[in-house]
Amino acid sequence: MSASLTDDLLNQLQGQPLAQLGSQLGLSQPQTQNAVSAALPLLLGALGRNASQPQGAEALFGALQRDHAGVGSGLDIGSVLGAVLGGGASRQTDGAGILGHIFGGRQETAAEGLGQATGLGGSQANTLLKVLAPIVLSYLAQRMMSGGNQAASPQALGQVLGQEEQRISQQGGLGGGLLGAVLDQDGDGQLGLGDLLKIGGGLLGGGQR
């Protein structure tokens, strides 16, 4: 893999998707670019941490197969984004529920950290994460499972995401710093597996106060 998952997905979001996001959040193009550039490594790095546990990799792989694998051979980010912003109630577009799986009890910490680091504030940052989370999972499903990929497995997914987490942590910067601050707050570096394995997630409303 030449480009990292983060860079590849950020490239796919350029243009109309970023403009839609900015319009939804009331942000300028540079503000949107900066916020998404920080949020994507946070989401992908947290998924990498989750998938480092076998049960976590299996739960995530199952969710990708069940809810996100219907994206065909190519990822149409515009249609995924449209479905998310349209507010249709489905597990594929339930950003709040997905964030509950990704961050567990640290969803609010993640939103507040992103908000402080980018100047968005916790409420806008939480909205941004809720919109991006389904896009990240659809992207992963397309990347891992398109074209009859026989190598697709929980182990392969865990390996790919583990490499991405390592790359994000090594690169540092805003995304890497945020990831460390959110995930290693109590020093053990582990997210609650119980939160990860839930299929619903009642953490609607997230980090807004």
C-alpha atoms as a PDB file:
ATOM      1  CA  MET A   1       0.000   0.000   0.000  1.00  0.00           C
ATOM      2  CA  SER A   2       1.601   3.204  -1.103  1.00  0.00           C
ATOM      3  CA  ALA A   3      -0.928   5.695   0.199  1.00  0.00           C
ATOM      4  CA  SER A   4      -2.200   5.294   3.725  1.00  0.00           C
ATOM      5  CA  LEU A   5      -5.895   4.617   4.253  1.00  0.00           C
ATOM      6  CA  THR A   6      -6.232   8.091   5.748  1.00  0.00           C
ATOM      7  CA  ASP A   7      -4.627   9.824   2.762  1.00  0.00           C
ATOM      8  CA  ASP A   8      -6.538   7.722   0.240  1.00  0.00           C
ATOM      9  CA  LEU A   9      -9.914   8.464   1.836  1.00  0.00           C
ATOM     10  CA  LEU A  10      -9.071  12.151   2.282  1.00  0.00           C
ATOM     11  CA  ASN A  11      -8.290  12.323  -1.441  1.00  0.00           C
ATOM     12  CA  GLN A  12     -11.655  10.737  -2.268  1.00  0.00           C
ATOM     13  CA  LEU A  13     -13.426  13.349  -0.135  1.00  0.00           C
ATOM     14  CA  GLN A  14     -11.934  16.291  -2.043  1.00  0.00           C
ATOM     15  CA  GLY A  15     -14.279  18.497  -4.038  1.00  0.00           C
ATOM     16  CA  GLN A  16     -18.032  18.154  -3.686  1.00  0.00           C
ATOM     17  CA  PRO A  17     -18.072  15.869  -0.578  1.00  0.00           C
ATOM     18  CA  LEU A  18     -15.929  18.326   1.406  1.00  0.00           C
ATOM     19  CA  ALA A  19     -18.059  21.219   0.167  1.00  0.00           C
ATOM     20  CA  GLN A  20     -21.211  19.392   1.337  1.00  0.00           C
ATOM     21  CA  LEU A  21     -19.650  18.730   4.726  1.00  0.00           C
ATOM     22  CA  GLY A  22     -18.585  22.341   5.096  1.00  0.00           C
ATOM     23  CA  SER A  23     -22.044  23.543   4.163  1.00  0.00           C
ATOM     24  CA  GLN A  24     -23.640  21.208   6.708  1.00  0.00           C
ATOM     25  CA  LEU A  25     -21.345  22.434   9.482  1.00  0.00           C
ATOM     26  CA  GLY A  26     -21.191  26.082   8.434  1.00  0.00           C
ATOM     27  CA  LEU A  27     -17.424  25.954   7.850  1.00  0.00           C
ATOM     28  CA  SER A  28     -15.129  27.436   5.239  1.00  0.00           C
ATOM     29  CA  GLN A  29     -13.253  25.125   2.877  1.00  0.00           C
ATOM     30  CA  PRO A  30      -9.929  25.435   4.778  1.00  0.00           C
ATOM     31  CA  GLN A  31     -11.686  24.831   8.116  1.00  0.00           C
ATOM     32  CA  THR A  32     -13.426  21.753   6.715  1.00  0.00           C
ATOM     33  CA  GLN A  33     -10.202  20.385   5.222  1.00  0.00           C
ATOM     34  CA  ASN A  34      -8.364  20.892   8.504  1.00  0.00           C
ATOM     35  CA  ALA A  35     -11.111  19.284  10.587  1.00  0.00           C
ATOM     36  CA  VAL A  36     -11.507  16.244   8.309  1.00  0.00           C
ATOM     37  CA  SER A  37      -7.712  15.825   8.148  1.00  0.00           C
ATOM     38  CA  ALA A  38      -7.700  15.525  11.950  1.00  0.00           C
ATOM     39  CA  ALA A  39     -10.877  13.444  12.273  1.00  0.00           C
ATOM     40  CA  LEU A  40      -9.992  10.679   9.787  1.00  0.00           C
ATOM     41  CA  PRO A  41      -6.799   9.526  11.565  1.00  0.00           C
ATOM     42  CA  LEU A  42      -8.693   9.648  14.866  1.00  0.00           C
ATOM     43  CA  LEU A  43     -11.415   7.346  13.501  1.00  0.00           C
ATOM     44  CA  LEU A  44      -9.119   4.980  11.590  1.00  0.00           C
ATOM     45  CA  GLY A  45      -6.592   4.821  14.418  1.00  0.00           C
ATOM     46  CA  ALA A  46      -9.300   3.983  16.950  1.00  0.00           C
ATOM     47  CA  LEU A  47     -10.607   1.266  14.620  1.00  0.00           C
ATOM     48  CA  GLY A  48      -7.068  -0.079  14.413  1.00  0.00           C
ATOM     49  CA  ARG A  49      -6.870  -0.232  18.186  1.00  0.00           C
ATOM     50  CA  ASN A  50     -10.202  -2.052  18.353  1.00  0.00           C
ATOM     51  CA  ALA A  51      -9.213  -4.525  15.658  1.00  0.00           C
ATOM     52  CA  SER A  52      -5.972  -5.367  17.488  1.00  0.00           C
ATOM     53  CA  GLN A  53      -8.150  -7.594  19.700  1.00  0.00           C
ATOM     54  CA  PRO A  54      -9.415 -10.718  17.857  1.00  0.00           C
ATOM     55  CA  GLN A  55     -12.973 -10.213  19.117  1.00  0.00           C
ATOM     56  CA  GLY A  56     -12.826  -6.587  18.025  1.00  0.00           C
ATOM     57  CA  ALA A  57     -11.644  -7.510  14.525  1.00  0.00           C
ATOM     58  CA  GLU A  58     -14.418 -10.112  14.218  1.00  0.00           C
ATOM     59  CA  ALA A  59     -17.098  -7.671  15.406  1.00  0.00           C
ATOM     60  CA  LEU A  60     -15.943  -4.984  12.984  1.00  0.00           C
ATOM     61  CA  PHE A  61     -15.614  -7.424  10.081  1.00  0.00           C
ATOM     62  CA  GLY A  62     -19.122  -8.693  10.760  1.00  0.00           C
ATOM     63  CA  ALA A  63     -20.501  -5.151  10.795  1.00  0.00           C
ATOM     64  CA  LEU A  64     -18.770  -4.347   7.495  1.00  0.00           C
ATOM     65  CA  GLN A  65     -20.204  -7.475   5.868  1.00  0.00           C
ATOM     66  CA  ARG A  66     -23.683  -6.955   7.275  1.00  0.00           C
ATOM     67  CA  ASP A  67     -24.195  -3.232   6.949  1.00  0.00           C
ATOM     68  CA  HIS A  68     -21.586  -1.742   4.630  1.00  0.00           C
ATOM     69  CA  ALA A  69     -20.592  -4.287   1.971  1.00  0.00           C
ATOM     70  CA  GLY A  70     -23.294  -3.252  -0.477  1.00  0.00           C
ATOM     71  CA  VAL A  71     -21.257  -0.420  -1.918  1.00  0.00           C
ATOM     72  CA  GLY A  72     -20.340  -2.320  -5.075  1.00  0.00           C
ATOM     73  CA  SER A  73     -16.963  -2.313  -6.753  1.00  0.00           C
ATOM     74  CA  GLY A  74     -16.436   1.401  -6.259  1.00  0.00           C
ATOM     75  CA  LEU A  75     -17.185   3.678  -3.342  1.00  0.00           C
ATOM     76  CA  ASP A  76     -19.609   6.450  -4.209  1.00  0.00           C
ATOM     77  CA  ILE A  77     -18.817   8.800  -1.354  1.00  0.00           C
ATOM     78  CA  GLY A  78     -21.410  11.278  -2.594  1.00  0.00           C
ATOM     79  CA  SER A  79     -24.259   8.789  -2.200  1.00  0.00           C
ATOM     80  CA  VAL A  80     -23.062   7.600   1.221  1.00  0.00           C
ATOM     81  CA  LEU A  81     -22.711  11.197   2.373  1.00  0.00           C
ATOM     82  CA  GLY A  82     -26.139  12.039   0.973  1.00  0.00           C
ATOM     83  CA  ALA A  83     -27.704   9.121   2.842  1.00  0.00           C
ATOM     84  CA  VAL A  84     -26.018  10.158   6.097  1.00  0.00           C
ATOM     85  CA  LEU A  85     -26.983  13.829   5.784  1.00  0.00           C
ATOM     86  CA  GLY A  86     -30.484  12.822   4.719  1.00  0.00           C
ATOM     87  CA  GLY A  87     -30.966  11.256   8.123  1.00  0.00           C
ATOM     88  CA  GLY A  88     -32.299   7.922   6.940  1.00  0.00           C
ATOM     89  CA  ALA A  89     -32.522   5.519   9.868  1.00  0.00           C
ATOM     90  CA  SER A  90     -30.365   2.515   9.086  1.00  0.00           C
ATOM     91  CA  ARG A  91     -27.381   0.856  10.714  1.00  0.00           C
ATOM     92  CA  GLN A  92     -25.313   1.805   7.678  1.00  0.00           C
ATOM     93  CA  THR A  93     -25.849   5.514   8.294  1.00  0.00           C
ATOM     94  CA  ASP A  94     -26.242   5.582  12.103  1.00  0.00           C
ATOM     95  CA  GLY A  95     -23.208   7.703  12.864  1.00  0.00           C
ATOM     96  CA  ALA A  96     -23.940   7.963  16.583  1.00  0.00           C
ATOM     97  CA  GLY A  97     -24.253   4.186  16.946  1.00  0.00           C
ATOM     98  CA  ILE A  98     -21.066   3.601  14.939  1.00  0.00           C
ATOM     99  CA  LEU A  99     -19.154   6.090  17.108  1.00  0.00           C
ATOM    100  CA  GLY A 100     -20.371   4.172  20.149  1.00  0.00           C
ATOM    101  CA  HIS A 101     -18.697   1.051  18.760  1.00  0.00           C
ATOM    102  CA  ILE A 102     -15.504   2.870  17.742  1.00  0.00           C
ATOM    103  CA  PHE A 103     -14.854   4.904  20.877  1.00  0.00           C
ATOM    104  CA  GLY A 104     -16.929   3.180  23.540  1.00  0.00           C
ATOM    105  CA  GLY A 105     -17.196   5.440  26.564  1.00  0.00           C
ATOM    106  CA  ARG A 106     -14.701   7.877  25.058  1.00  0.00           C
ATOM    107  CA  GLN A 107     -16.974   9.243  22.369  1.00  0.00           C
ATOM    108  CA  GLU A 108     -17.393  12.530  24.216  1.00  0.00           C
ATOM    109  CA  THR A 109     -13.648  12.745  24.867  1.00  0.00           C
ATOM    110  CA  ALA A 110     -12.986  12.206  21.163  1.00  0.00           C
ATOM    111  CA  ALA A 111     -15.427  14.933  20.123  1.00  0.00           C
ATOM    112  CA  GLU A 112     -14.130  17.397  22.697  1.00  0.00           C
ATOM    113  CA  GLY A 113     -10.510  16.680  21.795  1.00  0.00           C
ATOM    114  CA  LEU A 114     -11.190  17.138  18.098  1.00  0.00           C
ATOM    115  CA  GLY A 115     -13.173  20.285  18.811  1.00  0.00           C
ATOM    116  CA  GLN A 116     -10.355  21.808  20.874  1.00  0.00           C
ATOM    117  CA  ALA A 117      -7.650  20.833  18.388  1.00  0.00           C
ATOM    118  CA  THR A 118      -9.475  22.247  15.363  1.00  0.00           C
ATOM    119  CA  GLY A 119     -11.363  25.149  16.924  1.00  0.00           C
ATOM    120  CA  LEU A 120     -14.741  23.652  16.043  1.00  0.00           C
ATOM    121  CA  GLY A 121     -15.995  23.095  19.570  1.00  0.00           C
ATOM    122  CA  GLY A 122     -17.376  19.825  20.875  1.00  0.00           C
ATOM    123  CA  SER A 123     -20.835  20.019  19.299  1.00  0.00           C
ATOM    124  CA  GLN A 124     -19.664  20.639  15.723  1.00  0.00           C
ATOM    125  CA  ALA A 125     -16.843  18.121  16.109  1.00  0.00           C
ATOM    126  CA  ASN A 126     -19.315  15.503  17.311  1.00  0.00           C
ATOM    127  CA  THR A 127     -21.509  16.163  14.266  1.00  0.00           C
ATOM    128  CA  LEU A 128     -18.490  15.833  11.977  1.00  0.00           C
ATOM    129  CA  LEU A 129     -17.498  12.496  13.531  1.00  0.00           C
ATOM    130  CA  LYS A 130     -21.073  11.198  13.215  1.00  0.00           C
ATOM    131  CA  VAL A 131     -21.087  12.068   9.505  1.00  0.00           C
ATOM    132  CA  LEU A 132     -17.613  10.666   8.787  1.00  0.00           C
ATOM    133  CA  ALA A 133     -17.988   7.386  10.718  1.00  0.00           C
ATOM    134  CA  PRO A 134     -20.354   5.688   8.206  1.00  0.00           C
ATOM    135  CA  ILE A 135     -18.173   6.922   5.322  1.00  0.00           C
ATOM    136  CA  VAL A 136     -15.074   5.386   6.932  1.00  0.00           C
ATOM    137  CA  LEU A 137     -16.811   2.023   7.373  1.00  0.00           C
ATOM    138  CA  SER A 138     -18.171   2.037   3.815  1.00  0.00           C
ATOM    139  CA  TYR A 139     -14.673   2.847   2.583  1.00  0.00           C
ATOM    140  CA  LEU A 140     -13.198  -0.036   4.595  1.00  0.00           C
ATOM    141  CA  ALA A 141     -15.861  -2.434   3.315  1.00  0.00           C
ATOM    142  CA  GLN A 142     -15.122  -1.446  -0.281  1.00  0.00           C
ATOM    143  CA  ARG A 143     -11.379  -1.654   0.282  1.00  0.00           C
ATOM    144  CA  MET A 144     -11.462  -5.065   1.949  1.00  0.00           C
ATOM    145  CA  MET A 145     -14.309  -6.822   0.169  1.00  0.00           C
ATOM    146  CA  SER A 146     -14.696  -5.486  -3.362  1.00  0.00           C
ATOM    147  CA  GLY A 147     -13.842  -7.529  -6.410  1.00  0.00           C
ATOM    148  CA  GLY A 148     -14.353 -10.863  -4.699  1.00  0.00           C
ATOM    149  CA  ASN A 149     -11.376 -10.326  -2.426  1.00  0.00           C
ATOM    150  CA  GLN A 150     -10.716 -13.829  -1.138  1.00  0.00           C
ATOM    151  CA  ALA A 151      -8.186 -12.533   1.379  1.00  0.00           C
ATOM    152  CA  ALA A 152     -10.868 -10.631   3.250  1.00  0.00           C
ATOM    153  CA  SER A 153     -11.036 -11.900   6.818  1.00  0.00           C
ATOM    154  CA  PRO A 154     -11.123 -10.465  10.340  1.00  0.00           C
ATOM    155  CA  GLN A 155      -7.385 -11.183  10.593  1.00  0.00           C
ATOM    156  CA  ALA A 156      -6.620  -9.336   7.355  1.00  0.00           C
ATOM    157  CA  LEU A 157      -8.774  -6.406   8.435  1.00  0.00           C
ATOM    158  CA  GLY A 158      -6.999  -6.289  11.797  1.00  0.00           C
ATOM    159  CA  GLN A 159      -3.621  -6.311  10.074  1.00  0.00           C
ATOM    160  CA  VAL A 160      -4.495  -3.520   7.649  1.00  0.00           C
ATOM    161  CA  LEU A 161      -5.967  -1.332  10.400  1.00  0.00           C
ATOM    162  CA  GLY A 162      -3.109  -2.139  12.770  1.00  0.00           C
ATOM    163  CA  GLN A 163      -0.612  -0.918  10.175  1.00  0.00           C
ATOM    164  CA  GLU A 164      -2.664   2.242   9.705  1.00  0.00           C
ATOM    165  CA  GLU A 165      -2.795   2.914  13.454  1.00  0.00           C
ATOM    166  CA  GLN A 166       0.960   2.458  13.687  1.00  0.00           C
ATOM    167  CA  ARG A 167       1.522   4.829  10.774  1.00  0.00           C
ATOM    168  CA  ILE A 168      -0.771   7.476  12.302  1.00  0.00           C
ATOM    169  CA  SER A 169       0.979   7.211  15.680  1.00  0.00           C
ATOM    170  CA  GLN A 170       4.442   7.417  14.101  1.00  0.00           C
ATOM    171  CA  GLN A 171       3.562  10.373  11.901  1.00  0.00           C
ATOM    172  CA  GLY A 172       2.329  12.317  14.903  1.00  0.00           C
ATOM    173  CA  GLY A 173       0.867  15.666  13.930  1.00  0.00           C
ATOM    174  CA  LEU A 174      -2.650  16.654  14.853  1.00  0.00           C
ATOM    175  CA  GLY A 175      -4.240  13.274  14.073  1.00  0.00           C
ATOM    176  CA  GLY A 176      -1.602  11.205  15.847  1.00  0.00           C
ATOM    177  CA  GLY A 177      -1.572  13.455  18.885  1.00  0.00           C
ATOM    178  CA  LEU A 178      -5.356  13.355  19.158  1.00  0.00           C
ATOM    179  CA  LEU A 179      -5.397   9.584  18.822  1.00  0.00           C
ATOM    180  CA  GLY A 180      -2.957   9.142  21.686  1.00  0.00           C
ATOM    181  CA  ALA A 181      -4.770  11.648  23.875  1.00  0.00           C
ATOM    182  CA  VAL A 182      -8.178  10.027  23.369  1.00  0.00           C
ATOM    183  CA  LEU A 183      -7.258   6.346  23.464  1.00  0.00           C
ATOM    184  CA  ASP A 184      -4.564   6.322  26.130  1.00  0.00           C
ATOM    185  CA  GLN A 185      -6.190   8.605  28.652  1.00  0.00           C
ATOM    186  CA  ASP A 186      -6.076   6.014  31.404  1.00  0.00           C
ATOM    187  CA  GLY A 187      -2.800   4.521  30.226  1.00  0.00           C
ATOM    188  CA  ASP A 188      -3.982   1.048  29.333  1.00  0.00           C
ATOM    189  CA  GLY A 189      -4.687   1.792  25.690  1.00  0.00           C
ATOM    190  CA  GLN A 190      -7.708  -0.502  25.620  1.00  0.00           C
ATOM    191  CA  LEU A 191     -11.250   0.347  24.635  1.00  0.00           C
ATOM    192  CA  GLY A 192     -14.116  -1.392  26.367  1.00  0.00           C
ATOM    193  CA  LEU A 193     -14.809  -4.589  24.466  1.00  0.00           C
ATOM    194  CA  GLY A 194     -18.396  -4.621  25.708  1.00  0.00           C
ATOM    195  CA  ASP A 195     -19.048  -1.319  23.926  1.00  0.00           C
ATOM    196  CA  LEU A 196     -17.386  -2.642  20.804  1.00  0.00           C
ATOM    197  CA  LEU A 197     -19.480  -5.785  20.554  1.00  0.00           C
ATOM    198  CA  LYS A 198     -22.855  -4.107  20.995  1.00  0.00           C
ATOM    199  CA  ILE A 199     -24.875  -3.999  17.823  1.00  0.00           C
ATOM    200  CA  GLY A 200     -27.076  -1.026  18.675  1.00  0.00           C
ATOM    201  CA  GLY A 201     -25.304   1.565  20.723  1.00  0.00           C
ATOM    202  CA  GLY A 202     -27.510   3.906  22.710  1.00  0.00           C
ATOM    203  CA  LEU A 203     -25.027   6.760  22.675  1.00  0.00           C
ATOM    204  CA  LEU A 204     -27.211   9.091  20.639  1.00  0.00           C
ATOM    205  CA  GLY A 205     -26.460  12.717  21.208  1.00  0.00           C
ATOM    206  CA  GLY A 206     -22.807  12.005  21.887  1.00  0.00           C
ATOM    207  CA  GLY A 207     -20.600  14.792  23.071  1.00  0.00           C
ATOM    208  CA  GLN A 208     -23.027  17.675  23.068  1.00  0.00           C
ATOM    209  CA  ARG A 209     -23.591  19.416  26.352  1.00  0.00           C
END
